[in-house]
C-alpha atoms as a PDB file:
ATOM      1  CA  ASP A   1       7.211 -14.528  -8.224  1.00  0.00           C
ATOM      2  CA  PHE A   2       8.622 -16.120 -10.023  1.00  0.00           C
ATOM      3  CA  SER A   3       9.848 -16.234 -13.826  1.00  0.00           C
ATOM      4  CA  PRO A   4       9.715 -18.611 -16.416  1.00  0.00           C
ATOM      5  CA  SER A   5      13.636 -18.160 -17.223  1.00  0.00           C
ATOM      6  CA  MET A   6      14.382 -19.063 -13.562  1.00  0.00           C
ATOM      7  CA  SER A   7      16.252 -23.095 -13.157  1.00  0.00           C
ATOM      8  CA  ILE A   8      13.908 -25.661 -10.680  1.00  0.00           C
ATOM      9  CA  ALA A   9      17.590 -24.941  -8.740  1.00  0.00           C
ATOM     10  CA  GLY A  10      16.530 -21.294  -8.594  1.00  0.00           C
ATOM     11  CA  ILE A  11      13.463 -21.463  -7.482  1.00  0.00           C
ATOM     12  CA  VAL A  12      14.624 -24.512  -5.238  1.00  0.00           C
ATOM     13  CA  ASN A  13      16.604 -21.038  -3.661  1.00  0.00           C
ATOM     14  CA  ARG A  14      14.050 -18.914  -3.734  1.00  0.00           C
ATOM     15  CA  LEU A  15      11.728 -20.564  -1.780  1.00  0.00           C
ATOM     16  CA  ALA A  16      14.240 -22.286   0.267  1.00  0.00           C
ATOM     17  CA  LYS A  17      14.970 -18.694   2.112  1.00  0.00           C
ATOM     18  CA  GLY A  18      11.852 -17.784   1.905  1.00  0.00           C
ATOM     19  CA  ASP A  19      12.511 -15.027  -0.557  1.00  0.00           C
ATOM     20  CA  VAL A  20       9.147 -13.438  -0.846  1.00  0.00           C
ATOM     21  CA  MET A  21       7.221 -10.992  -3.343  1.00  0.00           C
ATOM     22  CA  LYS A  22       6.684  -8.054  -1.003  1.00  0.00           C
ATOM     23  CA  ASN A  23       5.307  -4.526  -1.248  1.00  0.00           C
ATOM     24  CA  LYS A  24       6.605  -1.342  -0.911  1.00  0.00           C
ATOM     25  CA  VAL A  25       3.881   0.483   0.979  1.00  0.00           C
ATOM     26  CA  VAL A  26       4.669   4.833   1.098  1.00  0.00           C
ATOM     27  CA  VAL A  27       2.930   6.151   3.977  1.00  0.00           C
ATOM     28  CA  LEU A  28       3.931   9.716   4.104  1.00  0.00           C
ATOM     29  CA  GLU A  29       4.379  13.005   6.462  1.00  0.00           C
ATOM     30  CA  GLY A  30       0.738  14.475   6.847  1.00  0.00           C
ATOM     31  CA  TRP A  31      -1.069  11.655   5.296  1.00  0.00           C
ATOM     32  CA  ASP A  32      -4.309  10.845   7.296  1.00  0.00           C
ATOM     33  CA  ILE A  33      -6.528   7.928   7.460  1.00  0.00           C
ATOM     34  CA  ASP A  34      -8.019   8.166   4.451  1.00  0.00           C
ATOM     35  CA  ASP A  35      -5.151   9.512   2.648  1.00  0.00           C
ATOM     36  CA  ILE A  36      -3.863   6.087   3.569  1.00  0.00           C
ATOM     37  CA  VAL A  37      -6.881   3.913   2.282  1.00  0.00           C
ATOM     38  CA  LYS A  38      -6.739   5.360  -0.741  1.00  0.00           C
ATOM     39  CA  TYR A  39      -3.170   5.352  -2.087  1.00  0.00           C
ATOM     40  CA  VAL A  40      -3.287   1.472  -0.312  1.00  0.00           C
ATOM     41  CA  ASP A  41      -6.694   0.685  -2.479  1.00  0.00           C
ATOM     42  CA  SER A  42      -5.067   2.517  -5.222  1.00  0.00           C
ATOM     43  CA  LYS A  43      -1.965   0.330  -5.287  1.00  0.00           C
ATOM     44  CA  LYS A  44      -3.835  -2.624  -5.346  1.00  0.00           C
ATOM     45  CA  PHE A  45      -2.384  -3.956  -1.870  1.00  0.00           C
ATOM     46  CA  TYR A  46      -5.619  -3.435   0.162  1.00  0.00           C
ATOM     47  CA  PHE A  47      -9.325  -2.937  -0.180  1.00  0.00           C
ATOM     48  CA  LYS A  48     -10.485   0.160   1.355  1.00  0.00           C
ATOM     49  CA  LYS A  49     -13.427  -1.931   3.546  1.00  0.00           C
ATOM     50  CA  GLU A  50     -10.585  -3.974   5.295  1.00  0.00           C
ATOM     51  CA  PHE A  51      -8.228  -2.246   5.869  1.00  0.00           C
ATOM     52  CA  LEU A  52     -10.624   0.831   7.506  1.00  0.00           C
ATOM     53  CA  ALA A  53     -11.218  -2.173   9.413  1.00  0.00           C
ATOM     54  CA  ALA A  54      -8.047  -2.923  10.734  1.00  0.00           C
ATOM     55  CA  ALA A  55      -7.302   1.197  11.370  1.00  0.00           C
ATOM     56  CA  LYS A  56     -10.388   0.293  14.049  1.00  0.00           C
ATOM     57  CA  ALA A  57      -9.152  -2.970  15.635  1.00  0.00           C
ATOM     58  CA  ASP A  58      -8.376  -2.662  18.976  1.00  0.00           C
ATOM     59  CA  TYR A  59      -4.340  -2.604  19.710  1.00  0.00           C
ATOM     60  CA  THR A  60      -3.959  -1.563  22.592  1.00  0.00           C
ATOM     61  CA  GLU A  61      -2.883  -4.967  24.647  1.00  0.00           C
ATOM     62  CA  GLU A  62      -0.102  -4.941  22.462  1.00  0.00           C
ATOM     63  CA  TYR A  63       0.906  -1.324  22.099  1.00  0.00           C
ATOM     64  CA  THR A  64       0.548   0.222  25.459  1.00  0.00           C
ATOM     65  CA  PHE A  65       1.463   4.274  24.296  1.00  0.00           C
ATOM     66  CA  LEU A  66      -1.992   3.114  23.094  1.00  0.00           C
ATOM     67  CA  LYS A  67      -3.527   3.195  26.800  1.00  0.00           C
ATOM     68  CA  ASN A  68      -4.240   7.191  26.983  1.00  0.00           C
ATOM     69  CA  ARG A  69      -6.087   7.634  24.432  1.00  0.00           C
ATOM     70  CA  PRO A  70      -9.582   8.323  25.069  1.00  0.00           C
ATOM     71  CA  LYS A  71     -12.234   5.920  24.719  1.00  0.00           C
ATOM     72  CA  GLY A  72     -12.958   4.816  20.681  1.00  0.00           C
ATOM     73  CA  ALA A  73     -10.041   6.928  19.279  1.00  0.00           C
ATOM     74  CA  SER A  74      -9.222   5.950  15.981  1.00  0.00           C
ATOM     75  CA  LEU A  75      -5.417   5.036  15.490  1.00  0.00           C
ATOM     76  CA  GLU A  76      -4.815   8.938  13.802  1.00  0.00           C
ATOM     77  CA  GLY A  77      -1.603  10.274  14.900  1.00  0.00           C
ATOM     78  CA  TYR A  78       0.049   6.342  15.049  1.00  0.00           C
ATOM     79  CA  ILE A  79       0.201   5.195  11.318  1.00  0.00           C
ATOM     80  CA  PHE A  80       4.109   6.065  11.219  1.00  0.00           C
ATOM     81  CA  PRO A  81       5.452   7.691   8.366  1.00  0.00           C
ATOM     82  CA  ASP A  82       7.812   5.819   6.349  1.00  0.00           C
ATOM     83  CA  THR A  83       8.349   3.202   3.288  1.00  0.00           C
ATOM     84  CA  TYR A  84       7.581  -0.511   4.539  1.00  0.00           C
ATOM     85  CA  SER A  85       8.930  -3.428   2.359  1.00  0.00           C
ATOM     86  CA  VAL A  86       5.944  -5.721   3.221  1.00  0.00           C
ATOM     87  CA  PRO A  87       5.177  -9.141   1.998  1.00  0.00           C
ATOM     88  CA  ALA A  88       2.184  -9.021  -0.471  1.00  0.00           C
ATOM     89  CA  TYR A  89       0.483 -12.048   1.438  1.00  0.00           C
ATOM     90  CA  ILE A  90      -0.166 -10.088   4.349  1.00  0.00           C
ATOM     91  CA  MET A  91      -3.628  -8.667   5.613  1.00  0.00           C
ATOM     92  CA  PRO A  92      -4.369  -5.476   6.756  1.00  0.00           C
ATOM     93  CA  HIS A  93      -3.828  -5.851  10.561  1.00  0.00           C
ATOM     94  CA  ASP A  94      -0.214  -7.204  10.097  1.00  0.00           C
ATOM     95  CA  PHE A  95       0.485  -3.984   7.934  1.00  0.00           C
ATOM     96  CA  ILE A  96      -0.916  -2.055  10.723  1.00  0.00           C
ATOM     97  CA  LYS A  97       0.910  -3.762  13.159  1.00  0.00           C
ATOM     98  CA  THR A  98       4.414  -3.279  11.260  1.00  0.00           C
ATOM     99  CA  ALA A  99       3.198   0.528  11.166  1.00  0.00           C
ATOM    100  CA  LEU A 100       2.550   0.936  14.737  1.00  0.00           C
ATOM    101  CA  ALA A 101       5.341  -1.401  15.533  1.00  0.00           C
ATOM    102  CA  ASN A 102       7.785   1.552  13.813  1.00  0.00           C
ATOM    103  CA  PHE A 103       5.757   3.964  16.048  1.00  0.00           C
ATOM    104  CA  ASP A 104       6.743   2.262  18.976  1.00  0.00           C
ATOM    105  CA  ARG A 105      10.430   1.813  18.176  1.00  0.00           C
ATOM    106  CA  ARG A 106      10.753   5.847  17.813  1.00  0.00           C
ATOM    107  CA  LEU A 107       8.932   7.117  20.547  1.00  0.00           C
ATOM    108  CA  THR A 108      12.155   6.125  22.750  1.00  0.00           C
ATOM    109  CA  PRO A 109      12.147   5.414  26.755  1.00  0.00           C
ATOM    110  CA  LYS A 110      14.735   9.275  26.591  1.00  0.00           C
ATOM    111  CA  LEU A 111      11.133  10.724  24.208  1.00  0.00           C
ATOM    112  CA  ARG A 112       8.488   9.565  27.299  1.00  0.00           C
ATOM    113  CA  THR A 113      10.206  10.403  30.533  1.00  0.00           C
ATOM    114  CA  GLU A 114      10.211  13.518  29.543  1.00  0.00           C
ATOM    115  CA  ILE A 115       6.580  14.002  27.684  1.00  0.00           C
ATOM    116  CA  ALA A 116       5.101  12.457  31.405  1.00  0.00           C
ATOM    117  CA  LYS A 117       8.194  14.962  32.699  1.00  0.00           C
ATOM    118  CA  GLN A 118       6.272  18.090  31.219  1.00  0.00           C
ATOM    119  CA  LYS A 119       3.014  16.139  32.855  1.00  0.00           C
ATOM    120  CA  LYS A 120       1.904  15.909  29.891  1.00  0.00           C
ATOM    121  CA  THR A 121      -0.005  12.171  27.737  1.00  0.00           C
ATOM    122  CA  ILE A 122       1.263  10.501  24.420  1.00  0.00           C
ATOM    123  CA  PHE A 123      -2.277  11.194  22.897  1.00  0.00           C
ATOM    124  CA  GLN A 124      -1.448  14.949  23.550  1.00  0.00           C
ATOM    125  CA  ILE A 125       1.975  14.699  22.003  1.00  0.00           C
ATOM    126  CA  VAL A 126       0.645  13.603  19.042  1.00  0.00           C
ATOM    127  CA  THR A 127      -1.592  15.265  18.557  1.00  0.00           C
ATOM    128  CA  MET A 128       0.210  18.479  18.312  1.00  0.00           C
ATOM    129  CA  ALA A 129       2.582  17.383  16.412  1.00  0.00           C
ATOM    130  CA  SER A 130      -0.008  16.552  13.583  1.00  0.00           C
ATOM    131  CA  ILE A 131      -0.808  19.695  13.706  1.00  0.00           C
ATOM    132  CA  LEU A 132       2.133  20.709  13.201  1.00  0.00           C
ATOM    133  CA  GLU A 133       3.291  18.515  10.361  1.00  0.00           C
ATOM    134  CA  LYS A 134      -0.432  20.182   8.592  1.00  0.00           C
ATOM    135  CA  GLU A 135       1.226  23.520   9.864  1.00  0.00           C
ATOM    136  CA  VAL A 136       4.866  24.506   8.688  1.00  0.00           C
ATOM    137  CA  PRO A 137       7.943  22.474   6.765  1.00  0.00           C
ATOM    138  CA  SER A 138      10.730  23.000   8.543  1.00  0.00           C
ATOM    139  CA  LEU A 139      11.714  20.939  11.594  1.00  0.00           C
ATOM    140  CA  ALA A 140      12.887  25.376  13.230  1.00  0.00           C
ATOM    141  CA  ASP A 141       9.530  26.336  12.130  1.00  0.00           C
ATOM    142  CA  LYS A 142       7.895  22.912  14.392  1.00  0.00           C
ATOM    143  CA  LYS A 143      10.100  24.053  17.167  1.00  0.00           C
ATOM    144  CA  ILE A 144       8.575  28.105  17.223  1.00  0.00           C
ATOM    145  CA  VAL A 145       5.051  27.469  16.238  1.00  0.00           C
ATOM    146  CA  ALA A 146       4.958  24.659  18.589  1.00  0.00           C
ATOM    147  CA  GLY A 147       5.355  26.959  21.375  1.00  0.00           C
ATOM    148  CA  ILE A 148       2.989  29.182  20.014  1.00  0.00           C
ATOM    149  CA  LEU A 149       0.520  26.707  20.408  1.00  0.00           C
ATOM    150  CA  TRP A 150       1.421  24.890  23.405  1.00  0.00           C
ATOM    151  CA  LYS A 151       1.525  29.314  25.108  1.00  0.00           C
ATOM    152  CA  ARG A 152      -1.676  30.024  23.943  1.00  0.00           C
ATOM    153  CA  ILE A 153      -3.521  26.104  25.546  1.00  0.00           C
ATOM    154  CA  ASN A 154      -2.049  27.123  28.801  1.00  0.00           C
ATOM    155  CA  ASN A 155      -3.246  31.018  28.518  1.00  0.00           C
ATOM    156  CA  GLY A 156      -6.687  29.959  28.035  1.00  0.00           C
ATOM    157  CA  MET A 157      -6.485  31.279  24.188  1.00  0.00           C
ATOM    158  CA  ALA A 158      -7.948  29.624  21.412  1.00  0.00           C
ATOM    159  CA  LEU A 159      -5.350  28.083  18.818  1.00  0.00           C
ATOM    160  CA  GLN A 160      -7.356  28.841  15.999  1.00  0.00           C
ATOM    161  CA  VAL A 161      -5.471  26.491  13.488  1.00  0.00           C
ATOM    162  CA  ASP A 162      -6.528  26.323  10.153  1.00  0.00           C
ATOM    163  CA  SER A 163      -5.646  23.329   9.402  1.00  0.00           C
ATOM    164  CA  THR A 164      -7.763  21.584  12.325  1.00  0.00           C
ATOM    165  CA  ILE A 165     -11.164  22.612  10.172  1.00  0.00           C
ATOM    166  CA  ASN A 166      -9.603  21.303   6.765  1.00  0.00           C
ATOM    167  CA  TYR A 167      -9.546  18.379   8.909  1.00  0.00           C
ATOM    168  CA  ILE A 168     -13.438  18.786   8.870  1.00  0.00           C
ATOM    169  CA  THR A 169     -13.990  20.382   5.316  1.00  0.00           C
ATOM    170  CA  GLY A 170     -11.430  17.667   3.527  1.00  0.00           C
ATOM    171  CA  LYS A 171     -10.170  21.291   2.159  1.00  0.00           C
ATOM    172  CA  SER A 172      -6.524  21.160   1.474  1.00  0.00           C
ATOM    173  CA  ASP A 173      -6.854  25.534   1.204  1.00  0.00           C
ATOM    174  CA  SER A 174      -4.685  27.110   3.735  1.00  0.00           C
ATOM    175  CA  ARG A 175      -6.851  29.639   4.789  1.00  0.00           C
ATOM    176  CA  ALA A 176     -10.102  28.264   6.407  1.00  0.00           C
ATOM    177  CA  THR A 177     -13.762  30.410   5.448  1.00  0.00           C
ATOM    178  CA  TYR A 178     -15.717  32.584   8.110  1.00  0.00           C
ATOM    179  CA  ALA A 179     -18.661  29.981   7.179  1.00  0.00           C
ATOM    180  CA  ASP A 180     -16.113  27.126   7.626  1.00  0.00           C
ATOM    181  CA  LEU A 181     -15.155  28.825  11.318  1.00  0.00           C
ATOM    182  CA  LYS A 182     -18.814  28.251  12.522  1.00  0.00           C
ATOM    183  CA  ILE A 183     -19.025  23.984  12.299  1.00  0.00           C
ATOM    184  CA  ASP A 184     -19.736  23.044  15.615  1.00  0.00           C
ATOM    185  CA  SER A 185     -16.907  19.765  16.087  1.00  0.00           C
ATOM    186  CA  LYS A 186     -14.490  19.678  18.459  1.00  0.00           C
ATOM    187  CA  TYR A 187     -11.517  19.955  16.459  1.00  0.00           C
ATOM    188  CA  ASN A 188     -12.698  23.522  15.951  1.00  0.00           C
ATOM    189  CA  THR A 189     -10.162  25.431  17.652  1.00  0.00           C
ATOM    190  CA  TYR A 190     -11.915  28.111  16.501  1.00  0.00           C
ATOM    191  CA  LYS A 191     -15.036  27.173  18.346  1.00  0.00           C
ATOM    192  CA  TYR A 192     -13.160  25.470  21.366  1.00  0.00           C
ATOM    193  CA  LEU A 193     -10.371  25.463  23.347  1.00  0.00           C
ATOM    194  CA  GLY A 194      -7.193  23.522  23.638  1.00  0.00           C
ATOM    195  CA  LEU A 195      -6.171  20.724  21.172  1.00  0.00           C
ATOM    196  CA  PRO A 196      -8.964  19.111  18.760  1.00  0.00           C
ATOM    197  CA  VAL A 197     -10.170  15.963  20.581  1.00  0.00           C
ATOM    198  CA  GLY A 198      -7.663  13.798  18.231  1.00  0.00           C
ATOM    199  CA  PRO A 199      -4.549  14.182  15.713  1.00  0.00           C
ATOM    200  CA  ILE A 200      -5.573  15.409  12.546  1.00  0.00           C
ATOM    201  CA  SER A 201      -3.169  13.874  10.198  1.00  0.00           C
ATOM    202  CA  ASN A 202       0.317  11.122  10.610  1.00  0.00           C
ATOM    203  CA  PRO A 203       3.093  13.229  11.741  1.00  0.00           C
ATOM    204  CA  GLY A 204       6.581  12.225  11.122  1.00  0.00           C
ATOM    205  CA  MET A 205      10.614  12.369  13.771  1.00  0.00           C
ATOM    206  CA  ASP A 206      10.764  15.969  12.928  1.00  0.00           C
ATOM    207  CA  SER A 207       6.609  17.289  14.493  1.00  0.00           C
ATOM    208  CA  ILE A 208       6.644  14.883  17.208  1.00  0.00           C
ATOM    209  CA  LEU A 209       9.766  16.679  18.045  1.00  0.00           C
ATOM    210  CA  ALA A 210       9.206  19.995  18.333  1.00  0.00           C
ATOM    211  CA  ALA A 211       5.546  18.845  20.027  1.00  0.00           C
ATOM    212  CA  ILE A 212       7.742  17.360  22.718  1.00  0.00           C
ATOM    213  CA  TYR A 213      11.209  19.994  21.949  1.00  0.00           C
ATOM    214  CA  PRO A 214       9.663  23.486  21.249  1.00  0.00           C
ATOM    215  CA  THR A 215      10.977  26.156  21.496  1.00  0.00           C
ATOM    216  CA  LYS A 216       9.859  29.747  23.879  1.00  0.00           C
ATOM    217  CA  SER A 217       9.383  33.003  22.243  1.00  0.00           C
ATOM    218  CA  GLN A 218       7.784  35.901  21.858  1.00  0.00           C
ATOM    219  CA  TYR A 219       5.141  35.754  19.850  1.00  0.00           C
ATOM    220  CA  TRP A 220       1.806  34.495  19.676  1.00  0.00           C
ATOM    221  CA  PHE A 221       1.032  34.559  16.343  1.00  0.00           C
ATOM    222  CA  TYR A 222       1.925  33.570  13.116  1.00  0.00           C
ATOM    223  CA  LEU A 223       0.919  32.653   9.305  1.00  0.00           C
ATOM    224  CA  SER A 224       2.599  31.493   6.541  1.00  0.00           C
ATOM    225  CA  ALA A 225       3.667  33.964   3.265  1.00  0.00           C
ATOM    226  CA  ASP A 226       1.565  33.822  -0.098  1.00  0.00           C
ATOM    227  CA  GLY A 227       4.493  32.403  -2.601  1.00  0.00           C
ATOM    228  CA  THR A 228       7.340  32.334  -0.119  1.00  0.00           C
ATOM    229  CA  GLY A 229       6.510  29.663   1.906  1.00  0.00           C
ATOM    230  CA  GLU A 230       7.909  31.845   4.532  1.00  0.00           C
ATOM    231  CA  THR A 231       6.590  32.321   7.890  1.00  0.00           C
ATOM    232  CA  VAL A 232       5.506  35.455   9.528  1.00  0.00           C
ATOM    233  CA  TYR A 233       5.997  35.950  13.361  1.00  0.00           C
ATOM    234  CA  SER A 234       3.898  38.313  14.958  1.00  0.00           C
ATOM    235  CA  LYS A 235       4.425  39.415  19.021  1.00  0.00           C
ATOM    236  CA  THR A 236       1.122  40.886  18.562  1.00  0.00           C
ATOM    237  CA  PHE A 237      -2.487  40.634  17.515  1.00  0.00           C
ATOM    238  CA  LYS A 238      -2.387  44.333  15.536  1.00  0.00           C
ATOM    239  CA  ASP A 239       0.866  42.507  13.470  1.00  0.00           C
ATOM    240  CA  HIS A 240      -0.788  39.721  13.005  1.00  0.00           C
ATOM    241  CA  SER A 241      -2.975  41.381  10.731  1.00  0.00           C
ATOM    242  CA  LEU A 242      -1.006  43.475   9.732  1.00  0.00           C
ATOM    243  CA  ALA A 243       0.819  40.762   7.698  1.00  0.00           C
ATOM    244  CA  ALA A 244      -1.984  38.697   6.748  1.00  0.00           C
END
């Protein structure tokens, strides 16, 4: 990117340094792939079709943390939220690789060892973290909610998480409707036990840490209080119903 006022020496110096134009690409915590596609298209960084194709490509051979994903799973959950300064000329698959490399660095050997020690997979952790990212804002709350959700899974209890319903419908309502709860989808955590079939967002580091290091509690239920943002916890369904 050259200015008409630049001298020949200035132009040559910039070329020699490889000082190329860069795009500032911002991926927010909690965005899903559709959100990212809309953003890069609106900024004219990449075309929707090209970016979607890059997001569906197979990068397993380059990034081992992708190997335990179910066959056919997308990169949802692995495009690490961050601010990226990338050369304007790079193609979408190069940007995807940059984001995956960032995820690879953030998930340290210590964290991977802890995940394995718990007999969980990275895919399970990322899926849980993607739910936490959409459910509660603070690290402390994320850790408590993670403890509740892992406990529900271990006890054969449905997660019943509204954010997984919203991933199906595309809505952003805090609570799903009764009709939505009947949708037959493996993302419907009211209908199917265990984690949803895959991540529902791209989680940040706090959510990933909360999924790995949950806080144990006596609680089984939680909800976000209307208007305050406070998370209300309950030990029994009766108390939970009263809080709602």
